[in-house]
């Protein structure tokens, strides 16, 4: 599996999880999306740089 395929799949997973978290009322799925996002950030070496804007 190439790096581009991995990036493509990970982007789709995070997008789908974010959509599910947005339309469901529970906070538990929001935590799962947050965890997925932290894992992707870590794998992308995005540890201290770009962070989502505070709400």
C-alpha atoms as a PDB file:
ATOM      1  CA  UNK A   1       0.000   0.000   0.000  1.00  0.00           C
ATOM      2  CA  UNK A   2       1.483   3.342  -1.018  1.00  0.00           C
ATOM      3  CA  UNK A   3       1.666   6.476   1.101  1.00  0.00           C
ATOM      4  CA  UNK A   4      -0.925   8.188  -1.091  1.00  0.00           C
ATOM      5  CA  UNK A   5      -3.385   5.329  -0.565  1.00  0.00           C
ATOM      6  CA  UNK A   6      -2.865   5.488   3.201  1.00  0.00           C
ATOM      7  CA  UNK A   7      -3.427   9.245   3.216  1.00  0.00           C
ATOM      8  CA  UNK A   8      -6.526   8.853   1.074  1.00  0.00           C
ATOM      9  CA  UNK A   9      -8.025   6.207   3.356  1.00  0.00           C
ATOM     10  CA  UNK A  10      -7.186   8.095   6.553  1.00  0.00           C
ATOM     11  CA  UNK A  11      -8.740  11.279   5.171  1.00  0.00           C
ATOM     12  CA  UNK A  12     -11.924   9.413   4.289  1.00  0.00           C
ATOM     13  CA  UNK A  13     -12.103   7.776   7.723  1.00  0.00           C
ATOM     14  CA  UNK A  14     -11.727  11.082   9.564  1.00  0.00           C
ATOM     15  CA  UNK A  15     -14.246  12.784   7.253  1.00  0.00           C
ATOM     16  CA  UNK A  16     -16.817  10.044   7.763  1.00  0.00           C
ATOM     17  CA  UNK A  17     -16.269  10.013  11.523  1.00  0.00           C
ATOM     18  CA  UNK A  18     -16.607  13.801  11.684  1.00  0.00           C
ATOM     19  CA  UNK A  19     -19.882  13.646   9.750  1.00  0.00           C
ATOM     20  CA  UNK A  20     -21.246  10.985  12.098  1.00  0.00           C
ATOM     21  CA  UNK A  21     -20.185  12.978  15.168  1.00  0.00           C
ATOM     22  CA  UNK A  22     -21.841  16.098  13.786  1.00  0.00           C
ATOM     23  CA  UNK A  23     -25.248  14.485  13.285  1.00  0.00           C
ATOM     24  CA  UNK A  24     -25.412  12.402  16.469  1.00  0.00           C
ATOM     25  CA  UNK A  25     -26.194  13.998  19.833  1.00  0.00           C
ATOM     26  CA  UNK A  26     -23.806  12.023  22.041  1.00  0.00           C
ATOM     27  CA  UNK A  27     -20.426  13.234  23.217  1.00  0.00           C
ATOM     28  CA  UNK A  28     -18.917   9.735  23.069  1.00  0.00           C
ATOM     29  CA  UNK A  29     -18.604   9.754  19.268  1.00  0.00           C
ATOM     30  CA  UNK A  30     -17.059  13.232  19.438  1.00  0.00           C
ATOM     31  CA  UNK A  31     -14.312  11.711  21.588  1.00  0.00           C
ATOM     32  CA  UNK A  32     -13.691   9.001  19.010  1.00  0.00           C
ATOM     33  CA  UNK A  33     -13.317  11.610  16.264  1.00  0.00           C
ATOM     34  CA  UNK A  34     -10.954  13.590  18.467  1.00  0.00           C
ATOM     35  CA  UNK A  35      -8.850  10.470  19.042  1.00  0.00           C
ATOM     36  CA  UNK A  36      -8.736   9.702  15.311  1.00  0.00           C
ATOM     37  CA  UNK A  37      -7.709  13.272  14.580  1.00  0.00           C
ATOM     38  CA  UNK A  38      -4.899  13.135  17.190  1.00  0.00           C
ATOM     39  CA  UNK A  39      -3.618   9.872  15.690  1.00  0.00           C
ATOM     40  CA  UNK A  40      -3.610  11.355  12.180  1.00  0.00           C
ATOM     41  CA  UNK A  41      -1.854  14.498  13.463  1.00  0.00           C
ATOM     42  CA  UNK A  42       0.792  12.365  15.166  1.00  0.00           C
ATOM     43  CA  UNK A  43       1.358  10.254  12.056  1.00  0.00           C
ATOM     44  CA  UNK A  44       1.634  13.443   9.992  1.00  0.00           C
ATOM     45  CA  UNK A  45       4.225  14.838  12.452  1.00  0.00           C
ATOM     46  CA  UNK A  46       1.779  17.666  13.164  1.00  0.00           C
ATOM     47  CA  UNK A  47       2.499  17.648  16.881  1.00  0.00           C
ATOM     48  CA  UNK A  48       2.984  21.321  17.772  1.00  0.00           C
ATOM     49  CA  UNK A  49       2.208  23.285  14.622  1.00  0.00           C
ATOM     50  CA  UNK A  50      -1.290  23.558  13.158  1.00  0.00           C
ATOM     51  CA  UNK A  51      -4.114  23.168  15.646  1.00  0.00           C
ATOM     52  CA  UNK A  52      -7.860  23.482  15.081  1.00  0.00           C
ATOM     53  CA  UNK A  53      -9.296  26.853  16.062  1.00  0.00           C
ATOM     54  CA  UNK A  54     -10.772  27.073  19.560  1.00  0.00           C
ATOM     55  CA  UNK A  55     -14.554  27.238  19.645  1.00  0.00           C
END
